[in-house]
Amino acid sequence: IEDTMSVPSATLNLDEMELAPSASTNELELSTAHKAVVENVEKEKCVVAQYKTTTAQKEAFQSLLKETDNLSKIPVEWVIDIADEANGWFYGTAYHYNDKTNMLHVMVPDKLNPSFDGEIPLDHRTVHLVECVDGKSEALFNKIVRDSVTKIRWDLEWFEEGVGTEKQSPELDDSPEGRWVKSIARYYIQIANQLLVEDEDFGQDARGFVMLTADVNVKLHLCQKGKGYDDFVRLITENLVQSIPSALENSKKISGMNSARDHPQRQDSSATNGGGGLAGMTPARKLMEMSRGMRECLSDILDDRERLIAEQEKIARTFTSFALNGDLDAGLRLMVHAEQVNCLSREGDGTDGSKVKKTSKIKEQERIREAMDTAADDAWYLAQKIEKHSTKIAKASSGGGSPSKDSHHDADYLRKKNAQMQRDIEKRDDELRYLKEQLR
């Protein structure tokens, strides 16, 4: 922070400051260790259950922090992958974590016979966390992993060895045989280099995922809607994964389209296939694709609602600390947050908000608000399209003549389903609008 008295230009992290109000601001911004044992950390959500922190893990790490009493050299023992510019990736072991500089003290392969001994930044481009083996720092390990989970939408294929006769790498004679399974990746865990892809049995009523390492067993096809585009490009350009020849070119076009989505007229590609469009599909196929898109939009809206609720609870705790306990640091955080919200409100109303310096927090809030609006608009658009195509299917199923009893039943079911989805969208929209008003 350049100047804590210059409120508009300050960038503070509310969660971190609540943990250790007596510490300096720079220490607070890097207090990952404290965030790993904050109150109710066990309730933090994660799409991968193994990275949730248990009460036992939290207590073990709290004891370790008390024993160490040195945030610049927290003892850990983590198995990692470490990058070498010339020779690829190697196994290594991390033995200390510096919470003030976000650095790891590592040895390759371990401390028994190290060929490398030094400090490296904890950055997913150079380090991948594999496993915590010390039994004491799982809470910190899991927190770092949870913070690196990003939501994506990548079309890909993954290789299942031993099932089928397809080659993993056709150009190699001794390449393993198996089969390539088409799927969609929904989450990318950057620091662990892991992908969560839809299982083959993925359906409307269940969310089944397969966890994969992003390596040669993955073949990327397309980055949909620009979600996770930077990681998509990096994995391909660094040859960590396989890809089809047109993967980068087509994904770049789609990413550009989504970054400039300000025109009011929508096309089918904007809300479903990310550029592929619905042209040439049968009505049933169109309905299925739009139904999938609807579910994704509602999922995005619900995620945004949870994020807003968490932000609201955080502000409430900060206000309590300031108003009831006289915490001046909490008061400063409220001032900073109020200025950020006012800046966003002035821009949203079309007034001049350029006089206030945009911090990274303000930019992130702008991005989240834009994503929320886009998801809500897409969901509403898809609801209208589903209603239109369900009517067409109902008419087509009767062969153009008098509708059969079954087609009547199907049409009624589709209309009820569509009406229910529209009511859900309106309800979520109202909740989001209320939460945004409360945050202002």
Foldseek 3Di string as FASTA:
>chain_A
DVDLVPQLADDQDLVQCVQPVVDDRLLSVLPLLSCLQPPPQQVDDDPDVVLRDDPQQSVLQVVQCVVVVALQWRFFWFWKWFADPPPGIAIWIFTTARSSQQKTFIFVNYDVDGPDTGIDHLFLVGMATDGTDPSRNSSSVSSLQRVQKFFFWFWKWFFDFPAAADFLDVVDPPGTGHDIHTWIWTIARRNNQKTWTADPPDDPVDGDTDIDHAAQRMETEETAQLGCLVVVVVCVVVRRYHYDPCHNVLNVVLPVCNVPPPDPDDFQCNQFVSPPGPPPPDLVVSLVRLVVSLVVLVVLLVVLLVVLVVVLVSLVVLVCCCPPVVSVVSVSVVSSLVLLLVLVVCVVVVHDSPVRDDDPVSVVVVVSVVSNVSSLVSNVVSLVVSLVSLVVVLCVVCVNDDGDPVSVVSSVVSVVVSVVSVVVSVVSVVSVVVSSVVSD
